[in-house]
């Protein structure tokens, strides 16, 4: 009919042939995969941001804008 209930955890795992060692390795594997994906994602985000910043700087350098933008033509308070 039904199987007898094990009296403790050790007995139930020993009878079923399960051990905690593979479960521990599985947890380490999952954590390692999550860490690797996180590092890869962070690196890609940093590269994208760096590339975007360089692109904006190159466009600003190539532009024919006034290099003295924001500097007034009048003399300063020292009279120079």
N, C-alpha and C. Protein backbone atom coordinates (compact mmCIF):
# COMPACT_ATOMS: atom_id res chain seq x y z
N UNK A 1 0.83 -1.19 0.00
CA UNK A 1 0.00 0.00 0.00
C UNK A 1 0.87 1.25 0.00
N UNK A 2 1.24 1.73 1.16
CA UNK A 2 2.09 2.91 1.22
C UNK A 2 3.40 2.54 1.88
N UNK A 3 4.45 3.27 1.55
CA UNK A 3 5.75 3.00 2.12
C UNK A 3 5.84 3.59 3.52
N UNK A 4 6.60 2.99 4.39
CA UNK A 4 6.73 3.53 5.75
C UNK A 4 7.45 4.88 5.72
N UNK A 5 7.09 5.74 6.64
CA UNK A 5 7.68 7.07 6.73
C UNK A 5 8.99 6.96 7.50
N UNK A 6 10.03 7.60 6.99
CA UNK A 6 11.34 7.54 7.63
C UNK A 6 11.30 8.32 8.93
N UNK A 7 12.05 7.86 9.92
CA UNK A 7 12.02 8.50 11.23
C UNK A 7 12.88 9.77 11.27
N UNK A 8 13.86 9.89 10.41
CA UNK A 8 14.65 11.11 10.38
C UNK A 8 15.14 11.38 8.96
N UNK A 9 15.74 12.53 8.80
CA UNK A 9 16.18 12.96 7.47
C UNK A 9 17.29 12.07 6.95
N UNK A 10 18.23 11.70 7.82
CA UNK A 10 19.35 10.88 7.38
C UNK A 10 18.86 9.55 6.82
N UNK A 11 17.93 8.95 7.51
CA UNK A 11 17.40 7.66 7.07
C UNK A 11 16.69 7.79 5.73
N UNK A 12 15.95 8.88 5.54
CA UNK A 12 15.21 9.03 4.28
C UNK A 12 16.16 9.26 3.11
N UNK A 13 17.23 10.02 3.32
CA UNK A 13 18.17 10.24 2.22
C UNK A 13 19.00 9.01 1.96
N UNK A 14 19.33 8.26 3.01
CA UNK A 14 20.13 7.06 2.83
C UNK A 14 19.33 5.99 2.09
N UNK A 15 18.05 5.90 2.37
CA UNK A 15 17.22 4.90 1.71
C UNK A 15 16.99 5.23 0.25
N UNK A 16 16.86 6.51 -0.04
CA UNK A 16 16.59 6.92 -1.41
C UNK A 16 17.85 7.03 -2.25
N UNK A 17 19.01 6.97 -1.61
CA UNK A 17 20.25 7.06 -2.36
C UNK A 17 20.64 8.50 -2.66
N UNK A 18 19.97 9.45 -2.10
CA UNK A 18 20.29 10.86 -2.33
C UNK A 18 21.38 11.29 -1.35
N UNK A 19 22.23 12.15 -1.77
CA UNK A 19 23.22 12.72 -0.86
C UNK A 19 23.27 14.22 -1.07
N UNK A 20 23.84 14.93 -0.11
CA UNK A 20 23.88 16.39 -0.20
C UNK A 20 25.05 16.87 -1.03
N UNK A 21 26.01 16.05 -1.35
CA UNK A 21 27.17 16.47 -2.11
C UNK A 21 26.81 16.97 -3.51
N UNK A 22 26.05 16.25 -4.32
CA UNK A 22 25.68 16.79 -5.63
C UNK A 22 24.84 18.06 -5.52
N UNK A 23 24.00 18.15 -4.51
CA UNK A 23 23.19 19.36 -4.35
C UNK A 23 24.09 20.55 -4.08
N UNK A 24 25.14 20.36 -3.28
CA UNK A 24 26.10 21.43 -3.00
C UNK A 24 26.84 21.84 -4.25
N UNK A 25 27.26 20.87 -5.03
CA UNK A 25 27.94 21.18 -6.30
C UNK A 25 27.00 21.90 -7.25
N UNK A 26 25.76 21.50 -7.24
CA UNK A 26 24.78 22.15 -8.11
C UNK A 26 24.60 23.61 -7.71
N UNK A 27 24.57 23.87 -6.42
CA UNK A 27 24.43 25.25 -5.95
C UNK A 27 25.64 26.08 -6.35
N UNK A 28 26.85 25.51 -6.23
CA UNK A 28 28.05 26.23 -6.64
C UNK A 28 28.05 26.48 -8.15
N UNK A 29 27.58 25.52 -8.91
CA UNK A 29 27.52 25.69 -10.35
C UNK A 29 26.56 26.80 -10.73
N UNK A 30 25.39 26.81 -10.09
CA UNK A 30 24.42 27.87 -10.37
C UNK A 30 24.97 29.23 -10.00
N UNK A 31 25.62 29.33 -8.84
CA UNK A 31 26.18 30.60 -8.42
C UNK A 31 27.28 31.05 -9.37
N UNK A 32 28.09 30.12 -9.84
CA UNK A 32 29.16 30.45 -10.78
C UNK A 32 28.59 30.94 -12.11
N UNK A 33 27.54 30.31 -12.57
CA UNK A 33 26.91 30.73 -13.82
C UNK A 33 26.31 32.12 -13.67
N UNK A 34 25.64 32.37 -12.56
CA UNK A 34 25.05 33.70 -12.32
C UNK A 34 26.15 34.75 -12.25
N UNK A 35 27.25 34.45 -11.57
CA UNK A 35 28.35 35.40 -11.47
C UNK A 35 28.96 35.68 -12.85
N UNK A 36 29.14 34.64 -13.65
CA UNK A 36 29.71 34.82 -14.98
C UNK A 36 28.80 35.67 -15.87
N UNK A 37 27.51 35.41 -15.80
CA UNK A 37 26.56 36.19 -16.60
C UNK A 37 26.55 37.65 -16.14
N UNK A 38 26.63 37.86 -14.84
CA UNK A 38 26.65 39.22 -14.30
C UNK A 38 27.89 39.98 -14.76
N UNK A 39 29.04 39.32 -14.70
CA UNK A 39 30.28 39.96 -15.14
C UNK A 39 30.22 40.27 -16.64
N UNK A 40 29.74 39.34 -17.42
CA UNK A 40 29.63 39.54 -18.86
C UNK A 40 28.68 40.70 -19.18
N UNK A 41 27.54 40.74 -18.51
CA UNK A 41 26.58 41.81 -18.73
C UNK A 41 27.15 43.16 -18.32
N UNK A 42 27.83 43.21 -17.19
CA UNK A 42 28.45 44.46 -16.75
C UNK A 42 29.53 44.93 -17.70
N UNK A 43 30.32 44.01 -18.20
CA UNK A 43 31.35 44.37 -19.16
C UNK A 43 30.78 44.90 -20.46
N UNK A 44 29.71 44.27 -20.92
CA UNK A 44 29.06 44.74 -22.15
C UNK A 44 28.45 46.12 -21.95
N UNK A 45 27.86 46.36 -20.78
CA UNK A 45 27.27 47.67 -20.50
C UNK A 45 28.36 48.75 -20.43
N UNK A 46 29.48 48.43 -19.81
CA UNK A 46 30.58 49.39 -19.73
C UNK A 46 31.15 49.68 -21.12
N UNK A 47 31.30 48.66 -21.94
CA UNK A 47 31.81 48.86 -23.30
C UNK A 47 30.85 49.70 -24.13
N UNK A 48 29.56 49.45 -23.99
CA UNK A 48 28.56 50.24 -24.73
C UNK A 48 28.62 51.69 -24.29
N UNK A 49 28.70 51.95 -22.99
CA UNK A 49 28.75 53.32 -22.48
C UNK A 49 30.02 54.02 -22.95
N UNK A 50 31.15 53.33 -22.90
CA UNK A 50 32.43 53.89 -23.33
C UNK A 50 32.40 54.21 -24.82
N UNK A 51 31.85 53.29 -25.60
CA UNK A 51 31.78 53.52 -27.05
C UNK A 51 30.87 54.70 -27.36
N UNK A 52 29.75 54.80 -26.65
CA UNK A 52 28.82 55.92 -26.85
C UNK A 52 29.50 57.24 -26.51
N UNK A 53 30.24 57.29 -25.40
CA UNK A 53 30.92 58.50 -24.99
C UNK A 53 31.99 58.89 -26.01
N UNK A 54 32.76 57.93 -26.51
CA UNK A 54 33.77 58.22 -27.52
C UNK A 54 33.14 58.73 -28.81
N UNK A 55 32.02 58.16 -29.19
CA UNK A 55 31.32 58.60 -30.39
C UNK A 55 30.87 60.05 -30.25
N UNK A 56 30.35 60.40 -29.10
CA UNK A 56 29.90 61.78 -28.88
C UNK A 56 31.08 62.74 -28.90
N UNK A 57 32.20 62.34 -28.31
CA UNK A 57 33.38 63.20 -28.32
C UNK A 57 33.93 63.38 -29.74
N UNK A 58 33.93 62.32 -30.54
CA UNK A 58 34.41 62.43 -31.92
C UNK A 58 33.51 63.34 -32.75
N UNK A 59 32.20 63.24 -32.54
CA UNK A 59 31.27 64.09 -33.27
C UNK A 59 31.45 65.55 -32.86
N UNK A 60 31.69 65.80 -31.60
CA UNK A 60 31.90 67.17 -31.14
C UNK A 60 33.20 67.73 -31.70
N UNK A 61 34.22 66.91 -31.82
CA UNK A 61 35.50 67.35 -32.35
C UNK A 61 35.42 67.65 -33.84
N UNK A 62 34.62 66.88 -34.58
CA UNK A 62 34.51 67.05 -36.02
C UNK A 62 33.59 68.21 -36.40
N UNK A 63 32.78 68.63 -35.46
CA UNK A 63 31.83 69.70 -35.76
C UNK A 63 32.53 71.01 -36.06
N UNK A 64 31.85 71.86 -36.83
CA UNK A 64 32.41 73.17 -37.20
C UNK A 64 31.93 74.25 -36.25
N UNK A 65 31.66 73.89 -35.03
CA UNK A 65 31.15 74.85 -34.05
C UNK A 65 32.23 75.82 -33.61
N UNK A 66 31.81 76.86 -32.90
CA UNK A 66 32.72 77.86 -32.39
C UNK A 66 33.48 77.29 -31.20
N UNK A 67 34.80 77.30 -31.27
CA UNK A 67 35.60 76.74 -30.18
C UNK A 67 35.60 77.66 -28.96
N UNK A 68 35.20 78.90 -29.13
CA UNK A 68 35.14 79.86 -28.03
C UNK A 68 33.70 80.03 -27.55
N UNK A 69 32.91 78.99 -27.66
CA UNK A 69 31.51 79.06 -27.26
C UNK A 69 31.39 79.40 -25.79
N UNK A 70 30.62 80.43 -25.49
CA UNK A 70 30.39 80.83 -24.11
C UNK A 70 31.39 81.83 -23.57
N UNK A 71 32.44 82.18 -24.35
CA UNK A 71 33.43 83.15 -23.91
C UNK A 71 33.06 84.48 -24.54
N UNK A 72 32.90 85.48 -23.69
CA UNK A 72 32.51 86.79 -24.21
C UNK A 72 33.67 87.46 -24.94
N UNK A 73 33.33 88.33 -25.88
CA UNK A 73 34.32 89.04 -26.68
C UNK A 73 34.87 90.26 -25.94
N UNK A 74 34.16 90.73 -24.93
CA UNK A 74 34.62 91.94 -24.22
C UNK A 74 35.74 91.58 -23.26
N UNK A 75 36.47 92.61 -22.83
CA UNK A 75 37.58 92.39 -21.90
C UNK A 75 37.03 92.07 -20.52
N UNK A 76 37.84 91.42 -19.73
CA UNK A 76 37.40 91.06 -18.39
C UNK A 76 37.60 92.23 -17.43
N UNK A 77 37.32 92.05 -16.17
CA UNK A 77 37.36 93.13 -15.19
C UNK A 77 38.76 93.64 -14.91
N UNK A 78 39.80 92.91 -15.29
CA UNK A 78 41.17 93.35 -15.09
C UNK A 78 41.60 94.37 -16.13
N UNK A 79 40.86 94.47 -17.18
CA UNK A 79 41.17 95.42 -18.23
C UNK A 79 42.20 94.90 -19.22
N UNK A 80 42.46 93.64 -19.21
CA UNK A 80 43.44 93.07 -20.14
C UNK A 80 42.79 92.68 -21.42
